[in-house]
């Protein structure tokens, strides 16, 4: 693991509190959610770059009143491409690779959320996280993989905003054979 990644992981353990008008306070310093993401050494990807024969007939994130419904996202590289690995967890994809996919899929979902609402400081609460793991035969630990997504959201947004209800299920197929798909329901300030 690169030194920069270790530093980012170490920063993820800092205690957080939340100011009343958005953002997050780390060790007494208030910063925007976007600054917190940068401080953690993370990057929100560009909009997804899909294969030419892949048709989407839905919104990546749909705002309705004070709610945002974030569609399922697979792991994306910073340029919006799908970096892989592809396949079933416990077969073609190892658990540590799936955890990396969960982290990248979560960042992709957050990026779509940001594009839909403008500023992540408008987020009042992550209500529900939905995690789908493309499971190989006998793989019965999707919750372990989706824990990475839950922890990342709490580390970015803090306990008060980031704590959510959740489900994590193993499934037989996902779009593009992505090992992890992350979706969410979020409450926002109008």
N, C-alpha and C. Protein backbone atom coordinates (compact mmCIF):
# COMPACT_ATOMS: atom_id res chain seq x y z
N UNK A 1 0.85 -1.18 0.00
CA UNK A 1 0.00 0.00 0.00
C UNK A 1 0.90 1.25 0.00
N UNK A 2 0.57 2.22 -0.81
CA UNK A 2 1.37 3.43 -0.92
C UNK A 2 1.30 4.25 0.37
N UNK A 3 2.33 5.05 0.62
CA UNK A 3 2.35 5.89 1.82
C UNK A 3 1.15 6.82 1.86
N UNK A 4 0.76 7.38 0.71
CA UNK A 4 -0.38 8.30 0.68
C UNK A 4 -1.66 7.58 1.11
N UNK A 5 -1.83 6.32 0.68
CA UNK A 5 -3.01 5.56 1.07
C UNK A 5 -3.02 5.30 2.57
N UNK A 6 -1.87 4.99 3.15
CA UNK A 6 -1.82 4.77 4.59
C UNK A 6 -2.20 6.04 5.33
N UNK A 7 -1.72 7.18 4.85
CA UNK A 7 -2.06 8.44 5.48
C UNK A 7 -3.56 8.68 5.40
N UNK A 8 -4.15 8.41 4.23
CA UNK A 8 -5.60 8.60 4.08
C UNK A 8 -6.36 7.67 5.02
N UNK A 9 -5.92 6.43 5.13
CA UNK A 9 -6.60 5.50 6.03
C UNK A 9 -6.46 5.94 7.48
N UNK A 10 -5.30 6.45 7.84
CA UNK A 10 -5.11 6.93 9.20
C UNK A 10 -6.03 8.12 9.48
N UNK A 11 -6.17 9.02 8.50
CA UNK A 11 -7.03 10.18 8.67
C UNK A 11 -8.49 9.79 8.86
N UNK A 12 -8.89 8.63 8.32
CA UNK A 12 -10.27 8.19 8.41
C UNK A 12 -10.68 7.86 9.84
N UNK A 13 -9.73 7.75 10.74
CA UNK A 13 -10.06 7.43 12.12
C UNK A 13 -10.21 8.67 13.00
N UNK A 14 -10.06 9.86 12.43
CA UNK A 14 -10.18 11.08 13.22
C UNK A 14 -11.60 11.25 13.75
N UNK A 15 -11.76 11.78 14.97
CA UNK A 15 -13.11 12.02 15.50
C UNK A 15 -13.78 13.14 14.73
N UNK A 16 -15.08 12.97 14.49
CA UNK A 16 -15.84 13.94 13.71
C UNK A 16 -16.99 14.51 14.53
N UNK A 17 -17.31 15.77 14.28
CA UNK A 17 -18.57 16.33 14.75
C UNK A 17 -19.10 17.17 13.60
N UNK A 18 -20.37 17.52 13.67
CA UNK A 18 -21.00 18.19 12.55
C UNK A 18 -21.56 19.54 12.94
N UNK A 19 -21.16 20.60 12.20
CA UNK A 19 -21.76 21.91 12.44
C UNK A 19 -23.20 21.91 11.95
N UNK A 20 -24.01 22.83 12.42
CA UNK A 20 -25.44 22.83 12.12
C UNK A 20 -25.75 23.19 10.67
N UNK A 21 -24.86 23.83 9.94
CA UNK A 21 -25.16 24.26 8.57
C UNK A 21 -24.40 23.44 7.53
N UNK A 22 -24.08 22.21 7.82
CA UNK A 22 -23.40 21.36 6.84
C UNK A 22 -21.90 21.37 7.07
N UNK A 23 -21.24 20.50 6.36
CA UNK A 23 -19.81 20.35 6.55
C UNK A 23 -19.54 19.39 7.70
N UNK A 24 -18.30 19.29 8.07
CA UNK A 24 -17.89 18.39 9.13
C UNK A 24 -16.77 19.06 9.92
N UNK A 25 -16.70 18.80 11.21
CA UNK A 25 -15.64 19.34 12.04
C UNK A 25 -14.71 18.21 12.45
N UNK A 26 -13.43 18.36 12.13
CA UNK A 26 -12.41 17.38 12.46
C UNK A 26 -11.37 18.06 13.33
N UNK A 27 -11.18 17.54 14.54
CA UNK A 27 -10.22 18.12 15.49
C UNK A 27 -10.39 19.62 15.62
N UNK A 28 -11.64 20.08 15.74
CA UNK A 28 -11.92 21.48 15.95
C UNK A 28 -11.94 22.33 14.69
N UNK A 29 -11.62 21.76 13.53
CA UNK A 29 -11.59 22.52 12.28
C UNK A 29 -12.80 22.14 11.43
N UNK A 30 -13.61 23.15 11.05
CA UNK A 30 -14.77 22.90 10.20
C UNK A 30 -14.35 22.95 8.74
N UNK A 31 -14.84 21.95 7.98
CA UNK A 31 -14.55 21.91 6.55
C UNK A 31 -15.79 21.41 5.83
N UNK A 32 -15.86 21.71 4.53
CA UNK A 32 -16.96 21.20 3.72
C UNK A 32 -16.77 19.69 3.55
N UNK A 33 -17.85 19.03 3.15
CA UNK A 33 -17.76 17.59 2.88
C UNK A 33 -16.78 17.35 1.73
N UNK A 34 -16.81 18.20 0.72
CA UNK A 34 -15.87 18.04 -0.40
C UNK A 34 -14.42 18.18 0.09
N UNK A 35 -14.17 19.10 1.02
CA UNK A 35 -12.82 19.25 1.59
C UNK A 35 -12.46 18.02 2.41
N UNK A 36 -13.43 17.46 3.13
CA UNK A 36 -13.18 16.25 3.90
C UNK A 36 -12.79 15.09 2.98
N UNK A 37 -13.48 14.96 1.86
CA UNK A 37 -13.15 13.92 0.88
C UNK A 37 -11.73 14.09 0.40
N UNK A 38 -11.36 15.30 0.06
CA UNK A 38 -9.99 15.59 -0.38
C UNK A 38 -8.98 15.33 0.73
N UNK A 39 -9.32 15.73 1.96
CA UNK A 39 -8.44 15.53 3.11
C UNK A 39 -8.17 14.05 3.36
N UNK A 40 -9.14 13.21 3.03
CA UNK A 40 -8.97 11.77 3.18
C UNK A 40 -8.18 11.15 2.03
N UNK A 41 -7.81 11.99 1.04
CA UNK A 41 -7.07 11.49 -0.11
C UNK A 41 -7.95 10.76 -1.11
N UNK A 42 -9.26 11.04 -1.08
CA UNK A 42 -10.21 10.38 -1.96
C UNK A 42 -10.58 11.29 -3.12
N UNK A 43 -11.06 10.69 -4.20
CA UNK A 43 -11.46 11.44 -5.39
C UNK A 43 -12.83 10.95 -5.84
N UNK A 44 -13.75 11.88 -6.07
CA UNK A 44 -15.04 11.52 -6.65
C UNK A 44 -14.87 11.39 -8.16
N UNK A 45 -15.35 10.28 -8.73
CA UNK A 45 -15.15 10.08 -10.17
C UNK A 45 -16.05 10.96 -11.02
N UNK A 46 -15.62 11.11 -12.27
CA UNK A 46 -16.45 11.77 -13.27
C UNK A 46 -17.66 10.88 -13.55
N UNK A 47 -18.61 11.41 -14.33
CA UNK A 47 -19.78 10.62 -14.70
C UNK A 47 -19.34 9.35 -15.41
N UNK A 48 -20.11 8.28 -15.23
CA UNK A 48 -19.74 6.96 -15.76
C UNK A 48 -19.55 6.97 -17.27
N UNK A 49 -18.49 6.30 -17.69
CA UNK A 49 -18.23 6.09 -19.11
C UNK A 49 -18.60 4.64 -19.41
N UNK A 50 -19.75 4.49 -20.05
CA UNK A 50 -20.31 3.16 -20.28
C UNK A 50 -19.88 2.60 -21.63
N UNK A 51 -19.86 1.28 -21.77
CA UNK A 51 -19.62 0.68 -23.08
C UNK A 51 -20.69 1.13 -24.06
N UNK A 52 -20.35 1.24 -25.35
CA UNK A 52 -21.30 1.77 -26.33
C UNK A 52 -22.61 0.99 -26.44
N UNK A 53 -22.60 -0.30 -26.16
CA UNK A 53 -23.80 -1.11 -26.29
C UNK A 53 -24.61 -1.20 -25.00
N UNK A 54 -24.22 -0.44 -23.98
CA UNK A 54 -24.89 -0.48 -22.68
C UNK A 54 -25.84 0.70 -22.59
N UNK A 55 -27.14 0.43 -22.51
CA UNK A 55 -28.16 1.47 -22.53
C UNK A 55 -28.72 1.67 -21.12
N UNK A 56 -28.76 2.92 -20.68
CA UNK A 56 -29.37 3.27 -19.39
C UNK A 56 -30.61 4.11 -19.65
N UNK A 57 -31.69 3.74 -19.02
CA UNK A 57 -32.93 4.49 -19.18
C UNK A 57 -33.44 4.94 -17.81
N UNK A 58 -32.51 5.51 -17.02
CA UNK A 58 -32.86 5.99 -15.69
C UNK A 58 -31.86 7.07 -15.29
N UNK A 59 -32.18 7.77 -14.21
CA UNK A 59 -31.29 8.80 -13.68
C UNK A 59 -30.33 8.16 -12.68
N UNK A 60 -29.08 8.62 -12.65
CA UNK A 60 -28.12 8.13 -11.65
C UNK A 60 -28.55 8.54 -10.25
N UNK A 61 -29.21 9.69 -10.14
CA UNK A 61 -29.75 10.15 -8.85
C UNK A 61 -31.01 10.95 -9.15
N UNK A 62 -32.06 10.68 -8.39
CA UNK A 62 -33.34 11.35 -8.59
C UNK A 62 -33.71 12.11 -7.32
N UNK A 63 -33.84 13.43 -7.47
CA UNK A 63 -34.23 14.28 -6.35
C UNK A 63 -35.75 14.43 -6.37
N UNK A 64 -36.36 14.20 -5.20
CA UNK A 64 -37.80 14.39 -5.06
C UNK A 64 -38.03 15.00 -3.68
N UNK A 65 -38.39 16.29 -3.66
CA UNK A 65 -38.58 17.00 -2.39
C UNK A 65 -37.27 17.03 -1.62
N UNK A 66 -37.30 16.50 -0.40
CA UNK A 66 -36.09 16.52 0.42
C UNK A 66 -35.39 15.16 0.43
N UNK A 67 -35.65 14.35 -0.59
CA UNK A 67 -35.04 13.02 -0.70
C UNK A 67 -34.28 12.89 -2.02
N UNK A 68 -33.22 12.11 -1.96
CA UNK A 68 -32.50 11.74 -3.18
C UNK A 68 -32.39 10.23 -3.20
N UNK A 69 -32.79 9.65 -4.31
CA UNK A 69 -32.69 8.22 -4.53
C UNK A 69 -31.53 8.00 -5.49
N UNK A 70 -30.47 7.40 -4.99
CA UNK A 70 -29.26 7.20 -5.78
C UNK A 70 -29.30 5.79 -6.35
N UNK A 71 -29.26 5.70 -7.68
CA UNK A 71 -29.29 4.41 -8.37
C UNK A 71 -28.05 3.59 -8.05
N UNK A 72 -28.11 2.32 -8.40
CA UNK A 72 -26.98 1.42 -8.17
C UNK A 72 -25.76 1.82 -8.97
N UNK A 73 -24.61 1.83 -8.31
CA UNK A 73 -23.33 2.19 -8.92
C UNK A 73 -22.31 1.09 -8.71
N UNK A 74 -21.57 0.79 -9.75
CA UNK A 74 -20.42 -0.10 -9.63
C UNK A 74 -19.18 0.74 -9.39
N UNK A 75 -18.07 0.07 -9.17
CA UNK A 75 -16.79 0.76 -8.95
C UNK A 75 -16.41 1.55 -10.20
N UNK A 76 -15.98 2.79 -9.99
CA UNK A 76 -15.52 3.63 -11.09
C UNK A 76 -14.15 4.22 -10.74
N UNK A 77 -13.31 4.33 -11.77
CA UNK A 77 -12.03 5.03 -11.64
C UNK A 77 -12.31 6.54 -11.66
N UNK A 78 -11.34 7.37 -11.29
CA UNK A 78 -11.57 8.82 -11.31
C UNK A 78 -12.06 9.37 -12.65
N UNK A 79 -11.67 8.74 -13.77
CA UNK A 79 -12.11 9.21 -15.08
C UNK A 79 -13.50 8.71 -15.46
N UNK A 80 -14.16 7.97 -14.59
CA UNK A 80 -15.50 7.47 -14.85
C UNK A 80 -15.54 6.09 -15.49
N UNK A 81 -14.39 5.54 -15.83
CA UNK A 81 -14.36 4.21 -16.42
C UNK A 81 -14.56 3.15 -15.34
N UNK A 82 -14.85 1.94 -15.76
CA UNK A 82 -15.05 0.82 -14.85
C UNK A 82 -13.76 0.00 -14.81
N UNK A 83 -13.02 0.06 -13.70
CA UNK A 83 -11.66 -0.50 -13.66
C UNK A 83 -11.58 -2.00 -13.41
N UNK A 84 -12.70 -2.63 -13.04
CA UNK A 84 -12.61 -4.04 -12.66
C UNK A 84 -12.07 -4.15 -11.25
N UNK A 85 -11.89 -5.33 -10.75
CA UNK A 85 -12.10 -6.60 -11.42
C UNK A 85 -13.59 -6.86 -11.64
N UNK A 86 -13.87 -7.84 -12.50
CA UNK A 86 -15.24 -8.22 -12.80
C UNK A 86 -15.42 -9.69 -12.46
N UNK A 87 -16.59 -10.03 -11.95
CA UNK A 87 -16.88 -11.42 -11.66
C UNK A 87 -17.45 -11.61 -10.28
N UNK A 88 -17.56 -12.88 -9.90
CA UNK A 88 -18.21 -13.28 -8.64
C UNK A 88 -17.21 -13.28 -7.48
N UNK A 89 -17.66 -12.69 -6.37
CA UNK A 89 -16.84 -12.67 -5.16
C UNK A 89 -16.80 -14.09 -4.59
N UNK A 90 -15.61 -14.54 -4.27
CA UNK A 90 -15.44 -15.90 -3.80
C UNK A 90 -15.10 -16.86 -4.93
N UNK A 91 -15.10 -16.36 -6.16
CA UNK A 91 -14.73 -17.17 -7.33
C UNK A 91 -13.65 -16.39 -8.11
N UNK A 92 -14.08 -15.56 -9.05
CA UNK A 92 -13.10 -14.79 -9.85
C UNK A 92 -12.53 -13.59 -9.09
N UNK A 93 -13.25 -13.09 -8.10
CA UNK A 93 -12.86 -11.89 -7.36
C UNK A 93 -12.66 -12.26 -5.89
N UNK A 94 -11.52 -11.88 -5.34
CA UNK A 94 -11.23 -12.14 -3.93
C UNK A 94 -11.91 -11.08 -3.04
N UNK A 95 -12.08 -11.39 -1.78
CA UNK A 95 -12.76 -10.48 -0.85
C UNK A 95 -12.09 -9.12 -0.77
N UNK A 96 -10.75 -9.06 -0.73
CA UNK A 96 -10.08 -7.76 -0.64
C UNK A 96 -10.31 -6.93 -1.90
N UNK A 97 -10.40 -7.57 -3.07
CA UNK A 97 -10.71 -6.85 -4.30
C UNK A 97 -12.15 -6.34 -4.27
N UNK A 98 -13.05 -7.14 -3.73
CA UNK A 98 -14.45 -6.73 -3.61
C UNK A 98 -14.59 -5.55 -2.65
N UNK A 99 -13.80 -5.53 -1.58
CA UNK A 99 -13.83 -4.40 -0.65
C UNK A 99 -13.38 -3.12 -1.34
N UNK A 100 -12.35 -3.21 -2.18
CA UNK A 100 -11.91 -2.06 -2.96
C UNK A 100 -13.02 -1.61 -3.91
N UNK A 101 -13.69 -2.58 -4.53
CA UNK A 101 -14.82 -2.25 -5.41
C UNK A 101 -15.93 -1.56 -4.64
N UNK A 102 -16.21 -2.01 -3.42
CA UNK A 102 -17.25 -1.37 -2.60
C UNK A 102 -16.88 0.08 -2.30
N UNK A 103 -15.62 0.31 -2.00
CA UNK A 103 -15.15 1.68 -1.72
C UNK A 103 -15.32 2.57 -2.96
N UNK A 104 -14.90 2.06 -4.12
CA UNK A 104 -15.00 2.85 -5.35
C UNK A 104 -16.46 3.03 -5.80
N UNK A 105 -17.30 2.03 -5.58
CA UNK A 105 -18.72 2.15 -5.92
C UNK A 105 -19.39 3.19 -5.03
N UNK A 106 -19.01 3.23 -3.77
CA UNK A 106 -19.56 4.22 -2.84
C UNK A 106 -19.16 5.63 -3.27
N UNK A 107 -17.91 5.81 -3.65
CA UNK A 107 -17.48 7.13 -4.14
C UNK A 107 -18.22 7.51 -5.41
N UNK A 108 -18.50 6.55 -6.28
CA UNK A 108 -19.26 6.83 -7.51
C UNK A 108 -20.69 7.27 -7.16
N UNK A 109 -21.31 6.60 -6.19
CA UNK A 109 -22.66 6.98 -5.76
C UNK A 109 -22.66 8.38 -5.15
N UNK A 110 -21.66 8.68 -4.34
CA UNK A 110 -21.54 10.02 -3.75
C UNK A 110 -21.34 11.08 -4.83
N UNK A 111 -20.57 10.74 -5.86
CA UNK A 111 -20.34 11.68 -6.97
C UNK A 111 -21.65 11.98 -7.69
N UNK A 112 -22.47 10.97 -7.94
CA UNK A 112 -23.77 11.21 -8.58
C UNK A 112 -24.69 12.02 -7.67
N UNK A 113 -24.63 11.76 -6.38
CA UNK A 113 -25.39 12.55 -5.42
C UNK A 113 -24.98 14.02 -5.51
N UNK A 114 -23.69 14.28 -5.55
CA UNK A 114 -23.17 15.66 -5.64
C UNK A 114 -23.64 16.32 -6.94
N UNK A 115 -23.57 15.60 -8.05
CA UNK A 115 -24.02 16.17 -9.33
C UNK A 115 -25.51 16.51 -9.27
N UNK A 116 -26.29 15.72 -8.54
CA UNK A 116 -27.73 15.95 -8.46
C UNK A 116 -28.11 17.12 -7.57
N UNK A 117 -27.34 17.36 -6.49
CA UNK A 117 -27.75 18.39 -5.50
C UNK A 117 -26.80 19.58 -5.43
N UNK A 118 -25.67 19.54 -6.13
CA UNK A 118 -24.73 20.66 -6.13
C UNK A 118 -23.69 20.58 -5.05
N UNK A 119 -24.09 20.64 -3.80
CA UNK A 119 -23.15 20.61 -2.68
C UNK A 119 -23.50 19.47 -1.73
N UNK A 120 -22.50 18.69 -1.37
CA UNK A 120 -22.71 17.59 -0.42
C UNK A 120 -23.02 18.10 0.98
N UNK A 121 -22.79 19.38 1.24
CA UNK A 121 -23.14 19.96 2.54
C UNK A 121 -24.66 20.05 2.73
N UNK A 122 -25.43 19.81 1.67
CA UNK A 122 -26.89 19.79 1.77
C UNK A 122 -27.41 18.47 2.35
N UNK A 123 -26.55 17.47 2.44
CA UNK A 123 -26.98 16.17 2.94
C UNK A 123 -27.29 16.28 4.43
N UNK A 124 -28.50 15.89 4.80
CA UNK A 124 -28.91 15.87 6.21
C UNK A 124 -28.75 14.49 6.82
N UNK A 125 -28.97 13.45 6.00
CA UNK A 125 -28.85 12.09 6.54
C UNK A 125 -28.79 11.07 5.41
N UNK A 126 -27.91 10.11 5.56
CA UNK A 126 -27.98 8.90 4.74
C UNK A 126 -29.01 8.02 5.43
N UNK A 127 -30.11 7.74 4.74
CA UNK A 127 -31.20 6.99 5.34
C UNK A 127 -31.00 5.49 5.19
N UNK A 128 -30.64 5.07 3.97
CA UNK A 128 -30.46 3.65 3.72
C UNK A 128 -29.40 3.44 2.66
N UNK A 129 -28.54 2.47 2.92
CA UNK A 129 -27.53 2.02 1.97
C UNK A 129 -27.95 0.64 1.49
N UNK A 130 -27.87 0.43 0.19
CA UNK A 130 -28.25 -0.85 -0.40
C UNK A 130 -27.02 -1.43 -1.09
N UNK A 131 -26.60 -2.60 -0.65
CA UNK A 131 -25.40 -3.22 -1.19
C UNK A 131 -25.70 -4.57 -1.81
N UNK A 132 -25.28 -4.73 -3.05
CA UNK A 132 -25.46 -5.97 -3.80
C UNK A 132 -24.08 -6.52 -4.14
N UNK A 133 -23.84 -7.75 -3.74
CA UNK A 133 -22.55 -8.39 -4.00
C UNK A 133 -22.78 -9.56 -4.95
N UNK A 134 -22.08 -9.55 -6.09
CA UNK A 134 -22.14 -10.65 -7.04
C UNK A 134 -21.42 -11.83 -6.40
N UNK A 135 -22.20 -12.80 -5.92
CA UNK A 135 -21.66 -13.85 -5.06
C UNK A 135 -21.42 -15.15 -5.83
N UNK A 136 -20.22 -15.70 -5.62
CA UNK A 136 -19.91 -17.01 -6.15
C UNK A 136 -20.54 -18.09 -5.28
N UNK A 137 -20.49 -19.34 -5.74
CA UNK A 137 -21.06 -20.44 -4.96
C UNK A 137 -20.46 -20.50 -3.55
N UNK A 138 -21.32 -20.53 -2.56
CA UNK A 138 -20.87 -20.66 -1.17
C UNK A 138 -20.45 -19.36 -0.51
N UNK A 139 -20.41 -18.24 -1.25
CA UNK A 139 -20.02 -16.97 -0.63
C UNK A 139 -21.21 -16.43 0.16
N UNK A 140 -21.07 -16.39 1.48
CA UNK A 140 -22.19 -15.98 2.33
C UNK A 140 -21.85 -14.81 3.26
N UNK A 141 -20.90 -13.98 2.84
CA UNK A 141 -20.50 -12.84 3.67
C UNK A 141 -20.61 -11.49 2.94
N UNK A 142 -21.75 -11.23 2.27
CA UNK A 142 -21.86 -9.93 1.60
C UNK A 142 -21.78 -8.77 2.59
N UNK A 143 -22.25 -8.98 3.83
CA UNK A 143 -22.19 -7.89 4.81
C UNK A 143 -20.76 -7.44 5.08
N UNK A 144 -19.82 -8.37 5.08
CA UNK A 144 -18.42 -8.00 5.30
C UNK A 144 -17.91 -7.07 4.21
N UNK A 145 -18.35 -7.30 2.99
CA UNK A 145 -17.92 -6.46 1.86
C UNK A 145 -18.58 -5.08 1.96
N UNK A 146 -19.87 -5.05 2.24
CA UNK A 146 -20.62 -3.78 2.28
C UNK A 146 -20.27 -2.96 3.51
N UNK A 147 -19.69 -3.58 4.55
CA UNK A 147 -19.20 -2.82 5.70
C UNK A 147 -18.24 -1.71 5.26
N UNK A 148 -17.45 -1.97 4.23
CA UNK A 148 -16.50 -0.97 3.73
C UNK A 148 -17.25 0.28 3.27
N UNK A 149 -18.37 0.09 2.58
CA UNK A 149 -19.17 1.23 2.11
C UNK A 149 -19.76 1.99 3.29
N UNK A 150 -20.30 1.26 4.26
CA UNK A 150 -20.88 1.91 5.45
C UNK A 150 -19.84 2.73 6.19
N UNK A 151 -18.68 2.14 6.41
CA UNK A 151 -17.61 2.85 7.14
C UNK A 151 -17.15 4.08 6.38
N UNK A 152 -17.05 3.98 5.06
CA UNK A 152 -16.61 5.12 4.26
C UNK A 152 -17.60 6.28 4.38
N UNK A 153 -18.88 6.00 4.28
CA UNK A 153 -19.89 7.06 4.39
C UNK A 153 -19.82 7.74 5.76
N UNK A 154 -19.68 6.96 6.82
CA UNK A 154 -19.58 7.54 8.16
C UNK A 154 -18.29 8.33 8.31
N UNK A 155 -17.20 7.86 7.74
CA UNK A 155 -15.93 8.58 7.82
C UNK A 155 -15.96 9.90 7.06
N UNK A 156 -16.72 9.95 5.98
CA UNK A 156 -16.82 11.20 5.20
C UNK A 156 -17.81 12.16 5.85
N UNK A 157 -19.00 11.67 6.18
CA UNK A 157 -20.09 12.55 6.61
C UNK A 157 -20.24 12.66 8.12
N UNK A 158 -19.54 11.82 8.87
CA UNK A 158 -19.69 11.82 10.31
C UNK A 158 -20.82 10.91 10.75
N UNK A 159 -20.82 10.57 12.02
CA UNK A 159 -21.78 9.62 12.60
C UNK A 159 -23.23 10.11 12.46
N UNK A 160 -23.49 11.37 12.78
CA UNK A 160 -24.86 11.88 12.80
C UNK A 160 -25.51 11.83 11.42
N UNK A 161 -24.81 12.23 10.39
CA UNK A 161 -25.35 12.24 9.04
C UNK A 161 -25.13 10.89 8.35
N UNK A 162 -24.01 10.28 8.58
CA UNK A 162 -23.64 9.08 7.84
C UNK A 162 -24.25 7.78 8.31
N UNK A 163 -24.64 7.69 9.59
CA UNK A 163 -25.21 6.43 10.11
C UNK A 163 -26.51 6.13 9.37
N UNK A 164 -26.68 4.92 8.88
CA UNK A 164 -27.81 4.58 8.02
C UNK A 164 -28.32 3.18 8.32
N UNK A 165 -29.53 2.90 7.85
CA UNK A 165 -29.99 1.52 7.81
C UNK A 165 -29.40 0.92 6.54
N UNK A 166 -29.47 -0.42 6.44
CA UNK A 166 -28.74 -1.02 5.32
C UNK A 166 -29.23 -2.42 5.04
N UNK A 167 -29.07 -2.82 3.79
CA UNK A 167 -29.11 -4.25 3.51
C UNK A 167 -27.94 -4.58 2.61
N UNK A 168 -27.47 -5.80 2.75
CA UNK A 168 -26.35 -6.32 1.96
C UNK A 168 -26.72 -7.74 1.55
N UNK A 169 -26.86 -7.94 0.25
CA UNK A 169 -27.28 -9.25 -0.23
C UNK A 169 -26.34 -9.76 -1.31
N UNK A 170 -26.24 -11.07 -1.39
CA UNK A 170 -25.53 -11.70 -2.48
C UNK A 170 -26.51 -11.95 -3.62
N UNK A 171 -26.08 -11.67 -4.85
CA UNK A 171 -26.95 -11.81 -6.01
C UNK A 171 -26.25 -12.63 -7.10
N UNK A 172 -27.06 -13.13 -8.05
CA UNK A 172 -26.54 -13.99 -9.11
C UNK A 172 -26.01 -13.21 -10.31
N UNK A 173 -26.43 -11.96 -10.49
CA UNK A 173 -25.97 -11.17 -11.63
C UNK A 173 -26.01 -9.69 -11.28
N UNK A 174 -25.09 -8.92 -11.86
CA UNK A 174 -25.07 -7.46 -11.74
C UNK A 174 -24.72 -6.88 -13.11
N UNK A 175 -25.04 -5.60 -13.35
CA UNK A 175 -24.64 -4.98 -14.60
C UNK A 175 -23.11 -5.05 -14.79
N UNK A 176 -22.69 -5.44 -15.97
CA UNK A 176 -21.27 -5.53 -16.35
C UNK A 176 -20.48 -6.51 -15.48
N UNK A 177 -21.17 -7.35 -14.72
CA UNK A 177 -20.52 -8.29 -13.79
C UNK A 177 -19.67 -7.57 -12.75
N UNK A 178 -20.10 -6.36 -12.37
CA UNK A 178 -19.42 -5.64 -11.29
C UNK A 178 -19.59 -6.45 -10.01
N UNK A 179 -18.53 -6.64 -9.22
CA UNK A 179 -18.65 -7.46 -8.02
C UNK A 179 -19.49 -6.80 -6.92
N UNK A 180 -19.59 -5.47 -6.94
CA UNK A 180 -20.35 -4.75 -5.91
C UNK A 180 -21.14 -3.63 -6.58
N UNK A 181 -22.39 -3.50 -6.18
CA UNK A 181 -23.25 -2.39 -6.59
C UNK A 181 -23.75 -1.72 -5.32
N UNK A 182 -23.65 -0.38 -5.28
CA UNK A 182 -24.08 0.41 -4.12
C UNK A 182 -25.16 1.40 -4.57
N UNK A 183 -26.26 1.44 -3.83
CA UNK A 183 -27.33 2.43 -4.02
C UNK A 183 -27.65 3.05 -2.67
N UNK A 184 -28.37 4.17 -2.66
CA UNK A 184 -28.65 4.84 -1.38
C UNK A 184 -29.91 5.67 -1.45
N UNK A 185 -30.48 5.93 -0.28
CA UNK A 185 -31.54 6.90 -0.11
C UNK A 185 -31.04 7.93 0.91
N UNK A 186 -31.16 9.21 0.52
CA UNK A 186 -30.55 10.29 1.28
C UNK A 186 -31.56 11.41 1.50
N UNK A 187 -31.55 12.00 2.70
CA UNK A 187 -32.34 13.19 3.00
C UNK A 187 -31.46 14.42 2.83
N UNK A 188 -32.01 15.49 2.24
CA UNK A 188 -31.22 16.71 1.99
C UNK A 188 -31.98 17.93 2.49
N UNK A 189 -31.21 19.03 2.68
CA UNK A 189 -31.79 20.33 2.97
C UNK A 189 -32.28 20.91 1.66
N UNK A 190 -33.46 21.50 1.68
CA UNK A 190 -33.99 22.11 0.44
C UNK A 190 -33.35 23.44 0.18
